[in-house]
Amino acid sequence: QVQLVESGGGLVHPGGSLRLSCAPSGSIVNIGVMNWYRQAPGNQRELVAAISRGGRSHYADFVEGRFTISRDNAKNTVNLQMNSLKPEDTAVYYCNAVASDLTYNCWGQGTQVTVSS
């Protein structure tokens, strides 16, 4: 099964920015929705942002206009631009892709984002 590979995580000061990227490790077709989730220690995994193949996006309430999700359908990649980061944004961020016909649901291994002074 094709895996997704995230990159771009790291340590940033409060108020800083990071750009996460996600790409498939092999050939993948028929991607429908692409999502970013996150999971902080002791918490459940939660949806951060989603984007349809047509470019329609959805954000969790806690994003509050700070993040932007984008995708390149030709490359099957998805990005998450995160601005005005807060300590509570600290988590492992996961990329997720769901087939248009729901025949697969792929996840990445996650990338750590730490927001700390």
N, C-alpha and C. Protein backbone atom coordinates (compact mmCIF):
# COMPACT_ATOMS: atom_id res chain seq x y z
N GLN A 1 0.84 -1.19 0.00
CA GLN A 1 0.00 0.00 0.00
C GLN A 1 0.88 1.24 0.00
N VAL A 2 0.47 2.23 -0.76
CA VAL A 2 1.23 3.47 -0.84
C VAL A 2 1.19 4.19 0.50
N GLN A 3 2.34 4.72 0.90
CA GLN A 3 2.43 5.49 2.12
C GLN A 3 2.51 6.97 1.77
N LEU A 4 2.13 7.78 2.71
CA LEU A 4 2.29 9.23 2.58
C LEU A 4 3.46 9.65 3.44
N VAL A 5 4.22 10.61 2.98
CA VAL A 5 5.41 11.08 3.69
C VAL A 5 5.28 12.56 3.96
N GLU A 6 5.28 12.90 5.25
CA GLU A 6 5.19 14.31 5.65
C GLU A 6 6.58 14.89 5.86
N SER A 7 6.67 16.20 5.69
CA SER A 7 7.91 16.92 5.98
C SER A 7 7.56 18.33 6.41
N GLY A 8 8.54 19.00 7.00
CA GLY A 8 8.37 20.41 7.34
C GLY A 8 8.12 20.71 8.80
N GLY A 9 8.01 19.68 9.61
CA GLY A 9 7.82 19.94 11.04
C GLY A 9 9.09 20.45 11.69
N GLY A 10 8.96 20.84 12.95
CA GLY A 10 10.13 21.33 13.66
C GLY A 10 9.76 22.13 14.88
N LEU A 11 10.74 22.84 15.41
CA LEU A 11 10.56 23.69 16.58
C LEU A 11 10.46 25.14 16.14
N VAL A 12 9.45 25.83 16.63
CA VAL A 12 9.24 27.23 16.26
C VAL A 12 8.77 27.99 17.49
N HIS A 13 9.11 29.28 17.54
CA HIS A 13 8.66 30.13 18.64
C HIS A 13 7.20 30.50 18.48
N PRO A 14 6.51 30.81 19.55
CA PRO A 14 5.12 31.30 19.43
C PRO A 14 5.06 32.50 18.49
N GLY A 15 4.05 32.49 17.62
CA GLY A 15 3.92 33.53 16.62
C GLY A 15 4.62 33.22 15.31
N GLY A 16 5.40 32.16 15.29
CA GLY A 16 6.14 31.78 14.09
C GLY A 16 5.30 31.01 13.10
N SER A 17 5.96 30.57 12.02
CA SER A 17 5.28 29.88 10.93
C SER A 17 6.02 28.60 10.56
N LEU A 18 5.26 27.66 10.06
CA LEU A 18 5.81 26.43 9.48
C LEU A 18 4.95 26.04 8.29
N ARG A 19 5.58 25.37 7.36
CA ARG A 19 4.85 24.85 6.20
C ARG A 19 5.06 23.35 6.15
N LEU A 20 3.99 22.60 6.30
CA LEU A 20 4.05 21.14 6.21
C LEU A 20 3.72 20.70 4.80
N SER A 21 4.41 19.66 4.35
CA SER A 21 4.16 19.11 3.03
C SER A 21 3.94 17.61 3.15
N CYS A 22 3.21 17.07 2.20
CA CYS A 22 2.90 15.63 2.19
C CYS A 22 2.87 15.15 0.75
N ALA A 23 3.58 14.05 0.51
CA ALA A 23 3.62 13.48 -0.82
C ALA A 23 3.55 11.96 -0.71
N PRO A 24 3.02 11.28 -1.70
CA PRO A 24 2.97 9.83 -1.67
C PRO A 24 4.34 9.23 -1.96
N SER A 25 4.62 8.06 -1.38
CA SER A 25 5.91 7.40 -1.60
C SER A 25 5.94 6.64 -2.91
N GLY A 26 4.77 6.44 -3.52
CA GLY A 26 4.71 5.74 -4.79
C GLY A 26 3.53 6.25 -5.60
N SER A 27 3.15 5.47 -6.59
CA SER A 27 2.05 5.87 -7.45
C SER A 27 0.71 5.72 -6.71
N ILE A 28 -0.10 6.73 -6.83
CA ILE A 28 -1.41 6.70 -6.20
C ILE A 28 -2.39 7.43 -7.11
N VAL A 29 -3.59 6.89 -7.23
CA VAL A 29 -4.57 7.48 -8.14
C VAL A 29 -5.90 7.65 -7.42
N ASN A 30 -6.73 8.45 -8.02
CA ASN A 30 -8.10 8.57 -7.59
C ASN A 30 -8.23 9.12 -6.16
N ILE A 31 -7.36 10.07 -5.80
CA ILE A 31 -7.47 10.67 -4.47
C ILE A 31 -8.67 11.60 -4.43
N GLY A 32 -9.43 11.48 -3.39
CA GLY A 32 -10.56 12.37 -3.16
C GLY A 32 -10.15 13.47 -2.20
N VAL A 33 -10.60 13.35 -0.96
CA VAL A 33 -10.27 14.34 0.06
C VAL A 33 -8.87 14.10 0.61
N MET A 34 -8.14 15.19 0.85
CA MET A 34 -6.85 15.11 1.54
C MET A 34 -6.97 15.93 2.82
N ASN A 35 -6.43 15.39 3.89
CA ASN A 35 -6.63 15.99 5.21
C ASN A 35 -5.31 16.12 5.96
N TRP A 36 -5.31 17.04 6.90
CA TRP A 36 -4.28 17.11 7.93
C TRP A 36 -4.95 16.91 9.28
N TYR A 37 -4.41 15.99 10.04
CA TYR A 37 -4.85 15.75 11.42
C TYR A 37 -3.68 16.05 12.35
N ARG A 38 -3.99 16.13 13.63
CA ARG A 38 -2.92 16.27 14.62
C ARG A 38 -3.31 15.53 15.89
N GLN A 39 -2.27 15.14 16.62
CA GLN A 39 -2.49 14.46 17.89
C GLN A 39 -1.44 14.92 18.89
N ALA A 40 -1.91 15.52 19.97
CA ALA A 40 -1.05 15.94 21.06
C ALA A 40 -1.02 14.84 22.12
N PRO A 41 0.03 14.77 22.92
CA PRO A 41 0.12 13.74 23.96
C PRO A 41 -1.11 13.74 24.87
N GLY A 42 -1.70 12.56 25.04
CA GLY A 42 -2.86 12.43 25.90
C GLY A 42 -4.17 12.81 25.26
N ASN A 43 -4.11 13.28 24.01
CA ASN A 43 -5.33 13.70 23.32
C ASN A 43 -5.64 12.76 22.15
N GLN A 44 -6.89 12.81 21.71
CA GLN A 44 -7.27 12.06 20.53
C GLN A 44 -6.81 12.78 19.27
N ARG A 45 -6.65 12.03 18.21
CA ARG A 45 -6.31 12.63 16.92
C ARG A 45 -7.50 13.47 16.47
N GLU A 46 -7.20 14.68 15.98
CA GLU A 46 -8.28 15.59 15.56
C GLU A 46 -8.00 16.16 14.19
N LEU A 47 -9.06 16.45 13.47
CA LEU A 47 -8.93 17.03 12.14
C LEU A 47 -8.51 18.48 12.25
N VAL A 48 -7.54 18.86 11.45
CA VAL A 48 -7.09 20.25 11.40
C VAL A 48 -7.68 20.94 10.18
N ALA A 49 -7.53 20.32 9.02
CA ALA A 49 -8.02 20.92 7.78
C ALA A 49 -8.23 19.82 6.75
N ALA A 50 -9.13 20.08 5.82
CA ALA A 50 -9.43 19.15 4.74
C ALA A 50 -9.60 19.93 3.45
N ILE A 51 -9.29 19.27 2.35
CA ILE A 51 -9.47 19.90 1.05
C ILE A 51 -9.93 18.87 0.04
N SER A 52 -10.96 19.22 -0.71
CA SER A 52 -11.49 18.32 -1.72
C SER A 52 -10.65 18.38 -2.98
N ARG A 53 -10.91 17.47 -3.89
CA ARG A 53 -10.18 17.48 -5.15
C ARG A 53 -10.43 18.77 -5.92
N GLY A 54 -11.60 19.32 -5.75
CA GLY A 54 -11.94 20.55 -6.42
C GLY A 54 -11.44 21.80 -5.73
N GLY A 55 -10.79 21.62 -4.57
CA GLY A 55 -10.19 22.77 -3.89
C GLY A 55 -11.01 23.37 -2.77
N ARG A 56 -12.16 22.77 -2.48
CA ARG A 56 -12.96 23.29 -1.37
C ARG A 56 -12.31 22.87 -0.06
N SER A 57 -12.12 23.83 0.84
CA SER A 57 -11.41 23.56 2.09
C SER A 57 -12.32 23.72 3.30
N HIS A 58 -11.90 23.04 4.36
CA HIS A 58 -12.63 23.10 5.63
C HIS A 58 -11.59 23.12 6.74
N TYR A 59 -11.85 23.92 7.76
CA TYR A 59 -10.90 24.05 8.86
C TYR A 59 -11.59 23.83 10.21
N ALA A 60 -10.83 23.27 11.14
CA ALA A 60 -11.32 23.16 12.50
C ALA A 60 -11.46 24.56 13.10
N ASP A 61 -12.34 24.68 14.06
CA ASP A 61 -12.59 25.99 14.67
C ASP A 61 -11.33 26.58 15.30
N PHE A 62 -10.47 25.73 15.84
CA PHE A 62 -9.29 26.25 16.53
C PHE A 62 -8.27 26.86 15.57
N VAL A 63 -8.43 26.64 14.29
CA VAL A 63 -7.49 27.22 13.32
C VAL A 63 -7.63 28.74 13.30
N GLU A 64 -8.84 29.23 13.35
CA GLU A 64 -9.11 30.68 13.47
C GLU A 64 -8.40 31.49 12.41
N GLY A 65 -8.36 30.98 11.18
CA GLY A 65 -7.79 31.73 10.08
C GLY A 65 -6.27 31.74 10.00
N ARG A 66 -5.60 30.96 10.83
CA ARG A 66 -4.14 30.98 10.88
C ARG A 66 -3.49 30.02 9.88
N PHE A 67 -4.21 28.97 9.48
CA PHE A 67 -3.65 27.95 8.61
C PHE A 67 -4.30 27.98 7.24
N THR A 68 -3.54 27.54 6.23
CA THR A 68 -4.08 27.42 4.88
C THR A 68 -3.68 26.07 4.30
N ILE A 69 -4.68 25.31 3.87
CA ILE A 69 -4.41 24.02 3.22
C ILE A 69 -4.47 24.21 1.71
N SER A 70 -3.57 23.52 1.00
CA SER A 70 -3.56 23.59 -0.45
C SER A 70 -3.12 22.24 -1.00
N ARG A 71 -3.42 21.98 -2.26
CA ARG A 71 -3.04 20.70 -2.85
C ARG A 71 -2.70 20.89 -4.32
N ASP A 72 -1.90 19.96 -4.82
CA ASP A 72 -1.53 19.91 -6.23
C ASP A 72 -2.01 18.57 -6.75
N ASN A 73 -3.08 18.57 -7.50
CA ASN A 73 -3.65 17.30 -7.97
C ASN A 73 -2.72 16.58 -8.95
N ALA A 74 -1.93 17.29 -9.68
CA ALA A 74 -1.02 16.66 -10.64
C ALA A 74 0.08 15.88 -9.90
N LYS A 75 0.51 16.39 -8.77
CA LYS A 75 1.57 15.75 -8.00
C LYS A 75 1.04 14.94 -6.83
N ASN A 76 -0.26 15.02 -6.58
CA ASN A 76 -0.87 14.31 -5.45
C ASN A 76 -0.28 14.74 -4.12
N THR A 77 0.02 16.01 -4.00
CA THR A 77 0.60 16.54 -2.77
C THR A 77 -0.38 17.48 -2.07
N VAL A 78 -0.16 17.62 -0.78
CA VAL A 78 -0.98 18.53 0.01
C VAL A 78 -0.05 19.26 0.99
N ASN A 79 -0.32 20.54 1.19
CA ASN A 79 0.48 21.36 2.08
C ASN A 79 -0.39 22.00 3.16
N LEU A 80 0.25 22.37 4.24
CA LEU A 80 -0.44 23.12 5.29
C LEU A 80 0.46 24.25 5.74
N GLN A 81 0.11 25.46 5.39
CA GLN A 81 0.83 26.65 5.83
C GLN A 81 0.25 27.08 7.17
N MET A 82 1.11 27.11 8.19
CA MET A 82 0.66 27.44 9.54
C MET A 82 1.35 28.72 9.99
N ASN A 83 0.56 29.73 10.27
CA ASN A 83 1.06 31.02 10.75
C ASN A 83 0.55 31.29 12.16
N SER A 84 1.16 32.24 12.80
CA SER A 84 0.74 32.64 14.16
C SER A 84 0.59 31.44 15.08
N LEU A 85 1.59 30.59 15.06
CA LEU A 85 1.52 29.35 15.84
C LEU A 85 1.51 29.63 17.34
N LYS A 86 0.78 28.78 18.04
CA LYS A 86 0.63 28.89 19.49
C LYS A 86 1.19 27.63 20.16
N PRO A 87 1.58 27.71 21.41
CA PRO A 87 2.05 26.50 22.11
C PRO A 87 1.04 25.35 22.05
N GLU A 88 -0.24 25.67 22.06
CA GLU A 88 -1.26 24.61 22.01
C GLU A 88 -1.36 23.94 20.64
N ASP A 89 -0.64 24.45 19.65
CA ASP A 89 -0.56 23.78 18.34
C ASP A 89 0.47 22.66 18.35
N THR A 90 1.21 22.53 19.43
CA THR A 90 2.21 21.47 19.52
C THR A 90 1.55 20.10 19.44
N ALA A 91 2.01 19.29 18.49
CA ALA A 91 1.41 17.98 18.24
C ALA A 91 2.18 17.28 17.13
N VAL A 92 1.86 16.03 16.93
CA VAL A 92 2.31 15.33 15.73
C VAL A 92 1.23 15.54 14.67
N TYR A 93 1.64 16.00 13.51
CA TYR A 93 0.71 16.28 12.43
C TYR A 93 0.79 15.16 11.39
N TYR A 94 -0.39 14.68 11.00
CA TYR A 94 -0.49 13.55 10.09
C TYR A 94 -1.22 13.95 8.80
N CYS A 95 -0.71 13.46 7.72
CA CYS A 95 -1.35 13.63 6.42
C CYS A 95 -2.24 12.41 6.16
N ASN A 96 -3.36 12.64 5.49
CA ASN A 96 -4.32 11.57 5.22
C ASN A 96 -4.94 11.78 3.84
N ALA A 97 -5.08 10.69 3.09
CA ALA A 97 -5.71 10.76 1.78
C ALA A 97 -6.75 9.66 1.67
N VAL A 98 -7.91 10.03 1.21
CA VAL A 98 -9.01 9.08 1.05
C VAL A 98 -9.39 9.00 -0.42
N ALA A 99 -9.53 7.79 -0.92
CA ALA A 99 -9.88 7.61 -2.33
C ALA A 99 -11.27 8.16 -2.61
N SER A 100 -11.45 8.61 -3.84
CA SER A 100 -12.76 9.13 -4.24
C SER A 100 -13.86 8.09 -4.08
N ASP A 101 -13.52 6.82 -4.31
CA ASP A 101 -14.50 5.74 -4.18
C ASP A 101 -14.36 5.02 -2.84
N LEU A 102 -13.61 5.59 -1.94
CA LEU A 102 -13.44 5.09 -0.57
C LEU A 102 -12.75 3.73 -0.52
N THR A 103 -11.98 3.38 -1.55
CA THR A 103 -11.32 2.08 -1.56
C THR A 103 -10.02 2.07 -0.77
N TYR A 104 -9.51 3.23 -0.42
CA TYR A 104 -8.34 3.27 0.45
C TYR A 104 -8.39 4.50 1.33
N ASN A 105 -7.61 4.42 2.41
CA ASN A 105 -7.51 5.52 3.37
C ASN A 105 -6.07 5.49 3.87
N CYS A 106 -5.22 6.34 3.28
CA CYS A 106 -3.79 6.31 3.55
C CYS A 106 -3.39 7.34 4.60
N TRP A 107 -2.40 6.95 5.40
CA TRP A 107 -1.87 7.86 6.42
C TRP A 107 -0.36 7.96 6.30
N GLY A 108 0.17 9.07 6.74
CA GLY A 108 1.61 9.22 6.87
C GLY A 108 2.05 8.84 8.26
N GLN A 109 3.36 8.88 8.48
CA GLN A 109 3.93 8.53 9.77
C GLN A 109 3.86 9.68 10.77
N GLY A 110 3.64 10.87 10.28
CA GLY A 110 3.52 12.03 11.16
C GLY A 110 4.80 12.84 11.22
N THR A 111 4.64 14.12 11.47
CA THR A 111 5.78 15.02 11.66
C THR A 111 5.52 15.87 12.90
N GLN A 112 6.55 15.99 13.72
CA GLN A 112 6.39 16.69 15.00
C GLN A 112 6.46 18.19 14.79
N VAL A 113 5.49 18.90 15.36
CA VAL A 113 5.49 20.36 15.41
C VAL A 113 5.52 20.76 16.88
N THR A 114 6.53 21.52 17.25
CA THR A 114 6.66 21.99 18.63
C THR A 114 6.73 23.51 18.63
N VAL A 115 5.83 24.13 19.37
CA VAL A 115 5.78 25.59 19.47
C VAL A 115 6.14 25.95 20.91
N SER A 116 7.30 26.53 21.06
CA SER A 116 7.79 26.81 22.40
C SER A 116 8.78 27.96 22.37
N SER A 117 8.80 28.72 23.44
CA SER A 117 9.78 29.80 23.56
C SER A 117 11.04 29.29 24.26
